Protein backbone atom coordinates (compact mmCIF):
# COMPACT_ATOMS: atom_id res chain seq x y z
CA MET A 1 0.11 0.01 -0.06
CA PRO A 2 1.35 3.55 -1.19
CA ARG A 3 2.12 5.91 1.99
CA SER A 4 -0.86 8.48 1.96
CA GLU A 5 0.26 12.26 2.11
CA LEU A 6 -0.26 11.91 6.19
CA GLY A 7 1.39 9.25 6.72
CA GLU A 8 4.71 11.05 4.73
CA PHE A 9 4.21 14.09 6.62
CA LEU A 10 4.83 12.34 10.23
CA MET A 11 7.86 10.56 8.38
CA THR A 12 9.16 13.99 7.18
CA ARG A 13 8.53 15.42 11.14
CA ARG A 14 9.95 12.79 12.81
CA ALA A 15 13.04 12.91 11.28
CA LYS A 16 13.50 16.49 12.05
CA VAL A 17 13.00 15.96 15.95
CA THR A 18 16.23 15.03 18.09
CA PRO A 19 15.70 13.07 21.16
CA GLU A 20 17.63 15.79 23.42
CA ALA A 21 14.70 18.02 21.87
CA VAL A 22 11.85 15.98 23.59
CA GLY A 23 13.98 14.66 26.77
CA MET A 24 15.05 11.31 25.63
CA PRO A 25 18.45 9.63 26.12
CA ALA A 26 20.14 9.73 22.96
CA ALA A 27 22.75 6.77 23.31
CA GLY A 28 23.23 4.23 21.12
CA GLU A 29 23.25 3.73 17.45
CA ARG A 30 20.53 5.25 15.63
CA ARG A 31 19.74 3.97 11.96
CA VAL A 32 17.53 7.07 11.14
CA PRO A 33 17.51 10.40 11.90
CA GLY A 34 15.25 11.86 14.49
CA LEU A 35 13.12 10.21 16.81
CA ARG A 36 12.00 6.09 16.05
CA ARG A 37 8.75 5.06 15.92
CA ASP A 38 8.07 4.01 19.21
CA GLU A 39 9.24 6.97 20.46
CA VAL A 40 6.86 8.92 19.51
CA ALA A 41 4.24 6.69 19.92
CA ALA A 42 5.12 6.70 23.50
CA LEU A 43 5.47 10.57 23.71
CA ALA A 44 1.82 10.87 21.86
CA GLU A 45 0.46 8.11 23.90
CA VAL A 46 -0.55 5.64 21.08
CA SER A 47 0.47 2.03 20.46
CA VAL A 48 3.73 1.71 18.16
CA ASP A 49 1.17 -0.66 15.72
CA TYR A 50 -0.95 2.15 15.80
CA TYR A 51 1.14 4.86 14.66
CA ARG A 52 3.04 2.48 12.68
CA ARG A 53 -0.26 1.93 10.24
CA LEU A 54 -0.26 5.71 10.29
CA GLU A 55 3.27 6.05 8.72
CA GLN A 56 2.07 3.11 6.03
CA GLY A 57 -0.96 4.90 4.83
CA LYS A 58 -2.86 2.44 6.83
CA GLU A 59 -4.71 4.86 9.03
CA THR A 60 -5.71 8.09 7.59
CA ARG A 61 -8.09 9.52 10.04
CA PRO A 62 -6.47 9.51 13.30
CA SER A 63 -8.83 11.42 16.02
CA GLU A 64 -8.35 14.84 17.40
CA VAL A 65 -7.50 13.56 20.50
CA VAL A 66 -4.48 11.24 18.71
CA LEU A 67 -3.75 14.66 16.13
CA ALA A 68 -3.13 16.46 19.90
CA GLY A 69 -0.74 13.90 20.85
CA LEU A 70 1.18 13.86 17.58
CA SER A 71 1.88 17.52 17.62
CA ARG A 72 3.46 17.68 20.74
CA ALA A 73 5.32 14.32 20.21
CA LEU A 74 6.71 16.19 17.16
CA ARG A 75 6.84 19.22 18.18
CA LEU A 76 4.61 21.05 15.20
CA THR A 77 4.67 24.55 14.35
CA GLY A 78 1.27 26.20 14.44
CA ALA A 79 1.08 25.83 10.28
CA GLU A 80 2.75 22.07 10.34
CA GLU A 81 -0.27 21.69 12.80
CA ARG A 82 -3.00 22.93 10.82
CA HIS A 83 -1.76 21.19 8.33
CA LEU A 84 -1.87 17.63 9.97
CA TYR A 85 -5.39 18.62 10.67
CA ALA A 86 -5.99 18.78 7.01
CA LEU A 87 -4.31 16.09 5.70
CA ALA A 88 -6.29 13.95 8.35
CA GLY A 89 -9.66 15.60 7.00
CA THR A 90 -10.68 16.59 10.60
CA ALA A 91 -9.75 20.89 9.85
CA ARG A 92 -12.17 22.63 8.80
CA ARG A 93 -11.85 23.55 5.31
CA LEU A 94 -14.21 26.28 2.92
CA ASP A 95 -16.50 25.62 0.26
CA GLU A 96 -15.66 25.65 -3.51
CA GLU A 97 -17.34 28.62 -3.77
CA ALA A 98 -15.47 30.05 -1.06
CA THR A 99 -11.96 29.49 -2.73
CA VAL A 100 -12.90 31.52 -6.12
CA GLN A 101 -14.79 34.46 -4.57
CA PRO A 102 -13.10 38.06 -6.36
CA VAL A 103 -10.96 40.00 -4.87
CA PRO A 104 -13.26 42.79 -2.85
CA THR A 105 -13.72 45.68 -4.70
CA GLU A 106 -12.41 48.01 -1.82
CA LEU A 107 -9.27 45.85 -1.46
CA LEU A 108 -8.51 46.80 -4.92
CA GLY A 109 -9.14 50.35 -4.84
CA LEU A 110 -6.79 50.39 -1.51
CA MET A 111 -4.15 48.74 -3.23
CA ASP A 112 -3.88 51.56 -5.84
CA SER A 113 -4.13 53.84 -3.65
CA TRP A 114 -0.70 53.18 -2.61
CA SER A 115 1.60 54.43 -5.36
CA ASP A 116 4.89 53.74 -2.84
CA SER A 117 4.15 50.02 -1.77
CA GLY A 118 3.78 47.14 -4.36
CA ALA A 119 0.59 44.95 -3.24
CA ILE A 120 -0.86 41.41 -4.55
CA VAL A 121 -3.64 39.11 -3.80
CA LEU A 122 -2.75 35.48 -3.90
CA ASP A 123 -5.34 32.69 -3.27
CA PRO A 124 -5.07 29.59 -1.40
CA VAL A 125 -3.13 27.54 -4.96
CA LEU A 126 -0.69 30.97 -4.87
CA ASP A 127 -2.56 31.76 -7.92
CA VAL A 128 -1.92 35.31 -8.82
CA LEU A 129 -5.56 37.42 -8.78
CA ALA A 130 -4.51 41.02 -8.14
CA LEU A 131 -1.37 42.90 -8.64
CA ASN A 132 -1.43 46.56 -8.10
CA ALA A 133 0.78 49.37 -10.71
CA ARG A 134 3.65 49.17 -8.30
CA ALA A 135 3.90 45.69 -8.33
CA GLN A 136 3.34 45.30 -11.88
CA GLU A 137 6.43 47.23 -12.74
CA LEU A 138 8.44 45.07 -9.99
CA PHE A 139 7.57 41.85 -11.99
CA SER A 140 7.73 43.29 -15.62
CA GLY A 141 10.40 40.93 -16.67
CA PHE A 142 8.54 38.10 -16.01
CA GLU A 143 6.85 35.85 -19.15
CA GLU A 144 3.27 35.50 -17.02
CA THR A 145 2.36 36.85 -13.42
CA ALA A 146 -0.56 33.93 -13.19
CA ASN A 147 1.01 31.67 -10.08
CA LEU A 148 3.58 32.42 -7.93
CA LEU A 149 5.35 29.10 -7.84
CA GLU A 150 4.62 28.99 -11.79
CA MET A 151 6.97 32.55 -11.55
CA VAL A 152 9.62 31.03 -8.94
CA LEU A 153 10.43 27.28 -10.56
CA LEU A 154 8.98 27.85 -14.51
CA ASP A 155 9.87 31.09 -15.76
CA PRO A 156 13.17 31.97 -16.89
CA GLU A 157 13.24 35.04 -15.13
CA GLY A 158 12.53 33.53 -11.95
CA ARG A 159 16.47 32.17 -11.55
CA ARG A 160 18.04 35.51 -12.36
CA PHE A 161 15.51 37.52 -10.10
CA PHE A 162 15.38 36.10 -7.45
CA VAL A 163 19.03 36.71 -6.02
CA ASP A 164 18.89 33.44 -3.84
CA TRP A 165 16.86 31.12 -5.85
CA GLU A 166 17.17 28.18 -4.24
CA ALA A 167 15.61 29.85 -0.94
CA SER A 168 13.04 31.43 -2.76
CA ALA A 169 11.58 27.92 -4.23
CA GLU A 170 12.12 26.33 -1.16
CA ALA A 171 10.18 28.96 0.93
CA THR A 172 7.60 28.94 -1.69
CA VAL A 173 6.53 25.41 -2.31
CA ALA A 174 6.40 25.45 1.91
CA ASN A 175 4.17 28.59 1.42
CA LEU A 176 1.78 26.43 -0.80
CA ARG A 177 2.10 23.20 1.37
CA ALA A 178 0.28 26.15 4.24
CA SER A 179 -2.29 27.63 2.32
CA ALA A 180 -3.72 25.01 0.17
CA ASP A 181 -5.21 23.31 3.16
CA PHE A 182 -7.64 26.16 2.17
CA ALA A 183 -8.63 24.70 -1.19
CA VAL A 184 -11.08 22.29 -1.11
CA ALA A 185 -11.57 21.81 -5.14
CA PRO A 186 -8.90 19.80 -5.73
CA ALA A 187 -8.91 20.29 -9.42
CA ARG A 188 -6.58 23.23 -9.78
CA LEU A 189 -4.44 22.77 -7.26
CA ARG A 190 -3.81 18.70 -8.72
CA GLU A 191 -3.28 20.74 -12.45
CA LEU A 192 -1.07 22.72 -10.60
CA LEU A 193 1.00 19.61 -9.19
CA ASP A 194 1.08 18.24 -12.47
CA ARG A 195 3.06 21.01 -14.36
CA LEU A 196 5.71 21.26 -11.70
CA GLU A 197 6.11 18.00 -11.35
CA ALA A 198 6.15 17.83 -15.20
CA GLU A 199 7.99 20.62 -15.86
CA SER A 200 10.47 21.66 -12.35
CA PRO A 201 13.59 18.85 -11.80
CA GLU A 202 13.50 20.56 -8.26
CA PHE A 203 10.10 20.58 -7.63
CA PRO A 204 9.35 16.63 -6.45
CA GLY A 205 11.81 16.73 -4.25
CA LEU A 206 10.86 20.32 -2.57
CA TRP A 207 7.44 18.68 -2.50
CA ALA A 208 8.90 15.76 -0.68
CA ARG A 209 10.08 17.53 2.14
CA HIS A 210 6.70 18.29 3.38
CA ASP A 211 7.68 21.67 4.88
CA VAL A 212 4.83 24.32 6.12
CA ARG A 213 5.62 27.77 6.53
CA PRO A 214 3.20 29.99 5.54
CA LYS A 215 4.48 33.81 4.70
CA THR A 216 5.40 36.62 7.17
CA HIS A 217 7.64 39.21 6.81
CA GLU A 218 10.76 39.39 5.27
CA THR A 219 13.57 41.19 3.28
CA LYS A 220 14.35 40.28 -0.39
CA VAL A 221 17.47 41.01 -2.42
CA LEU A 222 15.67 41.08 -5.86
CA ARG A 223 17.34 41.55 -9.37
CA HIS A 224 14.93 43.77 -11.41
CA PRO A 225 15.60 43.80 -15.17
CA ALA A 226 16.70 47.34 -15.97
CA ARG A 227 16.85 48.50 -12.20
CA GLY A 228 19.11 45.96 -11.04
CA LEU A 229 19.23 45.07 -7.53
CA LEU A 230 16.64 46.40 -5.05
CA SER A 231 16.24 45.39 -1.31
CA ILE A 232 12.31 44.72 -0.60
CA ASP A 233 10.65 44.76 2.59
CA PHE A 234 7.71 42.69 2.64
CA HIS A 235 4.41 41.69 5.03
CA ALA A 236 2.00 39.00 4.17
CA PHE A 237 -1.50 39.42 5.60
CA ASP A 238 -4.46 37.26 5.47
CA VAL A 239 -7.70 38.61 3.67
CA ALA A 240 -10.27 38.41 6.46
CA SER A 241 -12.92 39.00 4.01
CA VAL A 242 -12.33 36.31 1.81
CA PRO A 243 -10.45 33.20 4.10
CA GLY A 244 -7.96 31.84 2.19
CA TYR A 245 -6.41 34.45 0.51
CA GLN A 246 -2.84 36.14 0.82
CA LEU A 247 -2.27 40.19 0.50
CA LEU A 248 1.17 40.79 0.07
CA VAL A 249 2.76 44.49 0.54
CA TYR A 250 5.89 45.44 -0.58
CA ARG A 251 8.29 48.25 -0.43
CA GLU A 252 11.39 49.12 -1.79
CA LYS A 253 14.71 49.88 0.35
CA GLU A 254 17.66 50.97 -0.05
CA ALA A 255 19.55 48.19 -1.90
CA GLU A 256 23.63 47.64 -0.26
CA ALA A 257 25.91 47.04 -2.87
CA GLY A 258 26.74 43.18 -2.33
CA ALA A 259 23.46 42.72 -0.15
CA GLY A 260 22.62 38.78 0.40
CA THR A 261 19.48 38.89 2.24
CA THR A 262 17.46 35.60 1.74
CA PRO A 263 14.68 36.01 -0.87
């Protein structure tokens, strides 16, 4: 039986937790990094056999009590915990209509009023729904601006534009893991994943890591095709009127020669 997404996620998180982090002795040779299955089972207060079945994909609907125990045992972040619950089918998911709502007119008007800041609205699968004039100028070198992951991984401009391209690719894939829980309609997500798996050599490995990190605040160094290196400070916000949508707001900083901050 192939492993489930839930099982693969548990395996990758288990590998990241050291025995010392959970107060367990690290003595003795370990065949795999991180915790052993029996250690996770003990910390989560489930049987070893049950936990093994979760990782093997034979159990895919653990109770909320079990999920809470696994979250504690694996030291999950808030975003990772939400992802775990969603994979187990117990998280609140939006109906299909909620994931295809238009960007509120009021928000579009606000974005257009920001002459010195770039603003972008993303949906749960990182499709770009709106760009204000400043953001359109920032991404003018890209052939298309339909989806953020496709821009980073597939557009030739992506590797030039993002100075630390590897870090940008890792972060954007992790952001999809964090945001795609909202996308109950699988067709668009499946279409996106299929294209990335077929056309991006790096995507399958990044997706298999099961890293879950939503966008928050970061400073990026970008290489604009006409203006050269730009230092960009951005913040990410949830759009309360359309749950699952993200608003990214950018503002340029004075670029420093040889700046090496991570995109």
